[in-house]
């Protein structure tokens, strides 16, 4: 379970995220599961993170780099990918685990 606080990130806020001596991520409050990773180099990327507790399975999928992709676009892509994931669960009879 995530203990890190979530924020509604803006382009300006993401731009100001500092580089550190290790990779880290921040959590978006608008779309649960959207993470913004900051590399040691300072490069920033958007990721979709899913965890399936029943299977003890975690999956992280890169959806784009900042600033080439905006936070608004990342949120839209995340929602589309998540809907696809839910359809997969429903079509494969996994719905009793999640819905």
Protein backbone atom coordinates (compact mmCIF):
# COMPACT_ATOMS: atom_id res chain seq x y z
CA UNK A 1 0.00 0.00 0.00
CA UNK A 2 1.27 3.45 -0.92
CA UNK A 3 2.21 5.71 1.99
CA UNK A 4 3.49 8.56 -0.16
CA UNK A 5 1.16 11.53 -0.50
CA UNK A 6 -0.44 12.35 -3.83
CA UNK A 7 -0.64 15.73 -5.53
CA UNK A 8 -2.37 17.11 -8.57
CA UNK A 9 0.74 17.80 -10.62
CA UNK A 10 0.98 20.57 -13.19
CA UNK A 11 3.52 21.05 -15.96
CA UNK A 12 5.35 23.68 -13.86
CA UNK A 13 5.46 21.40 -10.81
CA UNK A 14 6.87 18.50 -12.82
CA UNK A 15 9.47 20.76 -14.41
CA UNK A 16 10.64 21.79 -10.92
CA UNK A 17 11.01 18.22 -9.58
CA UNK A 18 14.68 18.06 -8.55
CA UNK A 19 17.13 15.39 -9.56
CA UNK A 20 18.55 13.39 -6.65
CA UNK A 21 21.33 10.88 -6.18
CA UNK A 22 18.84 8.07 -6.80
CA UNK A 23 15.79 7.48 -8.97
CA UNK A 24 12.45 8.32 -7.32
CA UNK A 25 8.82 8.81 -8.19
CA UNK A 26 5.89 10.97 -7.17
CA UNK A 27 2.21 10.05 -7.24
CA UNK A 28 -0.53 11.86 -9.11
CA UNK A 29 -3.78 12.49 -7.20
CA UNK A 30 -5.92 12.80 -10.31
CA UNK A 31 -5.22 9.32 -11.68
CA UNK A 32 -4.41 6.63 -9.12
CA UNK A 33 -1.63 4.45 -10.49
CA UNK A 34 0.04 7.22 -12.52
CA UNK A 35 3.61 7.78 -11.38
CA UNK A 36 6.13 10.37 -12.45
CA UNK A 37 9.64 8.93 -12.26
CA UNK A 38 12.67 11.21 -11.96
CA UNK A 39 15.98 9.65 -13.01
CA UNK A 40 19.37 10.50 -11.48
CA UNK A 41 20.02 12.53 -14.64
CA UNK A 42 16.88 14.59 -13.97
CA UNK A 43 14.93 13.10 -16.90
CA UNK A 44 11.25 12.58 -16.11
CA UNK A 45 8.86 9.91 -17.38
CA UNK A 46 5.25 8.86 -16.85
CA UNK A 47 4.47 5.28 -15.83
CA UNK A 48 1.36 3.23 -15.29
CA UNK A 49 1.75 1.05 -12.18
CA UNK A 50 -0.63 -1.83 -11.47
CA UNK A 51 -0.52 -4.25 -8.58
CA UNK A 52 -2.70 -7.35 -8.50
CA UNK A 53 -2.78 -8.42 -4.87
CA UNK A 54 -4.42 -11.78 -5.55
CA UNK A 55 -1.53 -12.80 -7.80
CA UNK A 56 1.20 -10.82 -6.01
CA UNK A 57 1.96 -9.29 -9.38
CA UNK A 58 3.16 -5.79 -10.09
CA UNK A 59 3.51 -4.27 -13.55
CA UNK A 60 5.05 -0.95 -14.49
CA UNK A 61 4.55 0.36 -18.03
CA UNK A 62 6.19 3.48 -19.41
CA UNK A 63 3.69 5.68 -21.22
CA UNK A 64 5.86 8.68 -22.14
CA UNK A 65 8.60 11.19 -21.33
CA UNK A 66 8.23 14.69 -19.97
CA UNK A 67 8.18 17.34 -21.49
CA UNK A 68 7.45 15.62 -24.84
CA UNK A 69 4.25 14.31 -23.22
CA UNK A 70 2.18 16.59 -21.01
CA UNK A 71 0.66 15.49 -17.71
CA UNK A 72 -2.78 15.94 -19.29
CA UNK A 73 -1.89 13.59 -22.16
CA UNK A 74 -0.36 11.08 -19.72
CA UNK A 75 -3.60 11.05 -17.71
CA UNK A 76 -5.67 10.42 -20.86
CA UNK A 77 -3.40 7.60 -22.04
CA UNK A 78 -3.43 6.08 -18.56
CA UNK A 79 -7.24 5.98 -18.54
CA UNK A 80 -7.32 4.35 -22.00
CA UNK A 81 -4.77 1.70 -20.97
CA UNK A 82 -6.61 1.05 -17.71
CA UNK A 83 -9.92 0.58 -19.55
CA UNK A 84 -8.17 -1.89 -21.88
CA UNK A 85 -6.84 -3.72 -18.79
CA UNK A 86 -10.32 -3.91 -17.25
CA UNK A 87 -11.76 -5.27 -20.49
CA UNK A 88 -9.05 -7.93 -20.49
CA UNK A 89 -10.00 -8.94 -16.95
CA UNK A 90 -13.70 -9.12 -17.84
CA UNK A 91 -13.11 -11.08 -21.04
CA UNK A 92 -10.92 -13.60 -19.23
CA UNK A 93 -13.22 -14.20 -16.25
CA UNK A 94 -10.98 -12.40 -13.76
CA UNK A 95 -13.77 -9.95 -12.88
CA UNK A 96 -14.68 -11.80 -9.67
CA UNK A 97 -11.26 -10.82 -8.29
CA UNK A 98 -11.47 -7.10 -8.99
CA UNK A 99 -14.97 -5.81 -9.59
